[in-house]
Structures are given as structure tokens and as C-alpha cells.
Amino acid sequence: MNQTYLKAFGIGVVAGMRSLIAPALLSHKLVRTFPTKQPSKPIHYLAQPTTSLALKVLAGGEIAGDKIPNVPDRTIPIEFATRVASGATCGGFLTQAEGGEIPVGAVVGGLGTVVGTLVFFHLRQWLSKGVGVPDPVVALAEDALAIGLGWSIVNTIEPVPQPV
């Protein structure tokens, strides 16, 4: 069970880097491993193909929008809160999929998001302003890391049968 909460923390870190990549990847995995024709619980909605597609489109928009100059920092209150909500939700759903305690997964996912948001914000600032790496290059590297880390986490999810 500790592995489940470690995964929840990790998906939270991913949400801290890119708030929509985490739910898009989680939904992608759940569609393939957790199919539900008639949603009756919130996790069932995340496992719907339409939801998965919508989240992927939104994540693509977030990736593109991140490259626009003068986009607000991820540390401003509304951005920060949105990321924490995304990470907590993903942590809770991931934990539920593996049969763990949803509230614990949500808290751990939210904490992972706080860590991911702050660490990668400061790392990006240091690389672009301190070292001189062009910001779009750093942003693309962060995109690749978020997708790769998120993909590796969701591919380790082992769903347990859920009561209807």
C-alpha cells in the first residue's frame, strides 16, 4: 500500500509541473484498465473515453500556452491552488483505483503538487535566469519530464475491482 501512496505523491509532482498532464495521463490509463459503461462514481467519469480525450486536448493547450511570454507564474495563488486541486484529485483517484484510502491519497497527491510546483518553478527560474538557458528550452524539457514521469507512474497502476 505504501507504493500506492508513493505513486500518488509522484502524480502530484507531475501536476505541479503541468496541472493537466497528470489527470490526462491518469484518465488515459483508467480508460484502458477500468472501463465503466454507466458511471456511478466520480472515478468512473475519469475512466470515460470522452473525458480522457478532453483532458488530453486541455493538456496540449496547457503545454502550448506555457510557451507564451508573460504567462502568469505557477506560484500565483489561483494557479497554485488549481495545481494542488489537480494533484490532490489525481492522488485520490489513483489511490482509489488501487484500493487505498482516498483521503490519504488526496493529501499525499496535494503535498506532491506543492513540492513539484515549488521545486520546478525555482529550477526553471535558475536555469533560465541564472544559467542562461533559453526559457522555451527549459519549458520543453519540463514538458518532457512531466510526460515521462507521469507515464511511468500511471503505467504501474494496478487497479483492483471496484464495487459498483
Protein backbone atom coordinates (compact mmCIF):
# COMPACT_ATOMS: atom_id res chain seq x y z
CA MET A 1 0.00 0.00 0.00
CA ASN A 2 2.93 2.35 0.60
CA GLN A 3 3.73 2.07 -3.11
CA THR A 4 0.25 3.37 -3.88
CA TYR A 5 0.83 6.49 -1.79
CA LEU A 6 4.27 6.98 -3.34
CA LYS A 7 2.58 6.90 -6.76
CA ALA A 8 0.01 9.42 -5.50
CA PHE A 9 2.84 11.71 -4.38
CA GLY A 10 4.54 11.28 -7.77
CA ILE A 11 1.41 12.08 -9.77
CA GLY A 12 1.10 15.17 -7.56
CA VAL A 13 4.64 16.22 -8.52
CA VAL A 14 3.63 15.85 -12.17
CA ALA A 15 0.57 18.06 -11.54
CA GLY A 16 2.93 20.61 -10.00
CA MET A 17 4.88 20.72 -13.25
CA ARG A 18 1.86 20.70 -15.58
CA SER A 19 -1.53 20.70 -13.91
CA LEU A 20 -3.41 18.95 -16.72
CA ILE A 21 -0.87 16.32 -17.74
CA ALA A 22 -1.47 14.36 -14.54
CA PRO A 23 -5.25 13.96 -14.97
CA ALA A 24 -4.89 13.39 -18.73
CA LEU A 25 -2.44 10.53 -18.23
CA LEU A 26 -4.41 9.07 -15.33
CA SER A 27 -7.63 9.16 -17.35
CA HIS A 28 -5.85 7.57 -20.32
CA LYS A 29 -4.77 4.67 -18.10
CA LEU A 30 -8.15 4.27 -16.42
CA VAL A 31 -9.99 4.13 -19.76
CA ARG A 32 -7.89 1.11 -20.66
CA THR A 33 -7.93 -0.68 -17.30
CA PHE A 34 -11.06 0.48 -15.52
CA PRO A 35 -13.84 0.67 -18.14
CA THR A 36 -17.30 1.60 -16.93
CA LYS A 37 -20.29 1.92 -19.25
CA GLN A 38 -22.60 3.57 -16.72
CA PRO A 39 -20.69 5.96 -14.43
CA SER A 40 -21.91 5.87 -10.85
CA LYS A 41 -18.87 7.26 -9.01
CA PRO A 42 -16.53 10.16 -9.80
CA ILE A 43 -13.69 7.81 -10.75
CA HIS A 44 -15.95 6.24 -13.38
CA TYR A 45 -16.22 9.60 -15.14
CA LEU A 46 -12.44 9.85 -15.33
CA ALA A 47 -12.44 6.40 -16.98
CA GLN A 48 -14.67 7.57 -19.86
CA PRO A 49 -13.10 7.92 -23.34
CA THR A 50 -14.71 11.36 -23.82
CA THR A 51 -13.23 12.62 -20.56
CA SER A 52 -9.83 11.23 -21.49
CA LEU A 53 -9.89 12.94 -24.87
CA ALA A 54 -11.00 16.26 -23.39
CA LEU A 55 -8.23 16.14 -20.78
CA LYS A 56 -5.62 15.36 -23.45
CA VAL A 57 -6.75 18.34 -25.53
CA LEU A 58 -6.65 20.60 -22.47
CA ALA A 59 -3.20 19.30 -21.52
CA GLY A 60 -1.98 20.04 -25.05
CA GLY A 61 -3.34 23.57 -24.71
CA GLU A 62 -1.56 23.97 -21.39
CA ILE A 63 1.73 22.82 -22.91
CA ALA A 64 1.35 25.29 -25.79
CA GLY A 65 0.19 28.12 -23.54
CA ASP A 66 3.17 27.68 -21.24
CA LYS A 67 5.46 28.90 -24.03
CA ILE A 68 3.67 32.24 -24.41
CA PRO A 69 5.61 35.15 -22.92
CA ASN A 70 4.06 36.86 -19.87
CA VAL A 71 2.01 33.84 -18.82
CA PRO A 72 1.42 34.11 -15.05
CA ASP A 73 3.74 32.17 -12.77
CA ARG A 74 2.51 28.88 -11.38
CA THR A 75 3.08 30.28 -7.90
CA ILE A 76 0.39 32.95 -8.01
CA PRO A 77 -2.44 31.90 -5.67
CA ILE A 78 -5.04 30.85 -8.28
CA GLU A 79 -2.52 28.88 -10.34
CA PHE A 80 -1.04 27.28 -7.25
CA ALA A 81 -4.47 26.32 -5.90
CA THR A 82 -5.50 24.87 -9.27
CA ARG A 83 -2.38 22.71 -9.37
CA VAL A 84 -2.90 21.48 -5.81
CA ALA A 85 -6.53 20.62 -6.61
CA SER A 86 -5.40 18.70 -9.70
CA GLY A 87 -2.71 16.80 -7.80
CA ALA A 88 -4.97 16.03 -4.85
CA THR A 89 -7.74 14.79 -7.14
CA CYS A 90 -5.34 12.62 -9.13
CA GLY A 91 -3.75 11.29 -5.95
CA GLY A 92 -7.16 10.38 -4.55
CA PHE A 93 -8.32 8.68 -7.75
CA LEU A 94 -5.05 6.81 -8.21
CA THR A 95 -5.26 5.59 -4.63
CA GLN A 96 -8.90 4.58 -5.08
CA ALA A 97 -8.05 2.65 -8.25
CA GLU A 98 -5.50 0.61 -6.28
CA GLY A 99 -7.83 0.07 -3.33
CA GLY A 100 -6.26 2.56 -0.93
CA GLU A 101 -7.73 5.26 1.26
CA ILE A 102 -8.91 8.12 -0.96
CA PRO A 103 -8.39 10.94 1.59
CA VAL A 104 -4.82 9.83 2.29
CA GLY A 105 -4.08 9.64 -1.44
CA ALA A 106 -5.57 13.10 -1.95
CA VAL A 107 -3.46 14.63 0.81
CA VAL A 108 -0.30 12.90 -0.42
CA GLY A 109 -1.05 13.94 -4.01
CA GLY A 110 -1.61 17.52 -2.88
CA LEU A 111 1.69 17.53 -0.99
CA GLY A 112 3.45 16.17 -4.06
CA THR A 113 1.95 19.02 -6.05
CA VAL A 114 3.25 21.63 -3.62
CA VAL A 115 6.73 20.10 -3.87
CA GLY A 116 6.58 19.80 -7.66
CA THR A 117 5.26 23.31 -8.14
CA LEU A 118 7.90 24.99 -5.99
CA VAL A 119 10.89 22.86 -6.98
CA PHE A 120 10.27 23.09 -10.71
CA PHE A 121 9.37 26.79 -10.56
CA HIS A 122 12.67 27.61 -8.87
CA LEU A 123 14.61 25.21 -11.07
CA ARG A 124 13.17 26.82 -14.19
CA GLN A 125 13.97 30.29 -12.86
CA TRP A 126 17.54 29.27 -12.05
CA LEU A 127 18.13 27.55 -15.40
CA SER A 128 16.69 30.38 -17.48
CA LYS A 129 17.81 33.43 -15.50
CA GLY A 130 20.80 32.14 -13.55
CA VAL A 131 22.42 29.77 -16.05
CA GLY A 132 21.11 31.42 -19.21
CA VAL A 133 19.31 28.50 -20.82
CA PRO A 134 16.54 29.92 -23.03
CA ASP A 135 13.21 29.62 -21.22
CA PRO A 136 11.44 27.77 -24.07
CA VAL A 137 14.16 25.10 -23.95
CA VAL A 138 13.71 24.70 -20.19
CA ALA A 139 9.91 24.60 -20.66
CA LEU A 140 10.18 21.86 -23.29
CA ALA A 141 12.48 19.83 -21.05
CA GLU A 142 9.98 20.22 -18.20
CA ASP A 143 7.16 19.10 -20.52
CA ALA A 144 9.13 16.00 -21.49
CA LEU A 145 9.96 15.24 -17.86
CA ALA A 146 6.32 15.70 -16.76
CA ILE A 147 5.04 13.42 -19.52
CA GLY A 148 7.74 10.81 -18.96
CA LEU A 149 7.39 10.75 -15.18
CA GLY A 150 3.59 10.76 -15.39
CA TRP A 151 3.58 7.98 -17.98
CA SER A 152 5.90 5.83 -15.87
CA ILE A 153 3.69 6.34 -12.79
CA VAL A 154 0.35 5.59 -14.44
CA ASN A 155 1.74 2.51 -16.15
CA THR A 156 2.46 1.00 -12.74
CA ILE A 157 -1.13 1.39 -11.53
CA GLU A 158 -2.68 -1.96 -10.66
CA PRO A 159 -6.43 -1.38 -10.42
CA VAL A 160 -8.46 -3.52 -8.06
CA PRO A 161 -12.08 -4.39 -8.87
CA GLN A 162 -14.37 -1.61 -7.70
CA PRO A 163 -17.84 -2.07 -6.27
CA VAL A 164 -20.49 -0.54 -8.49
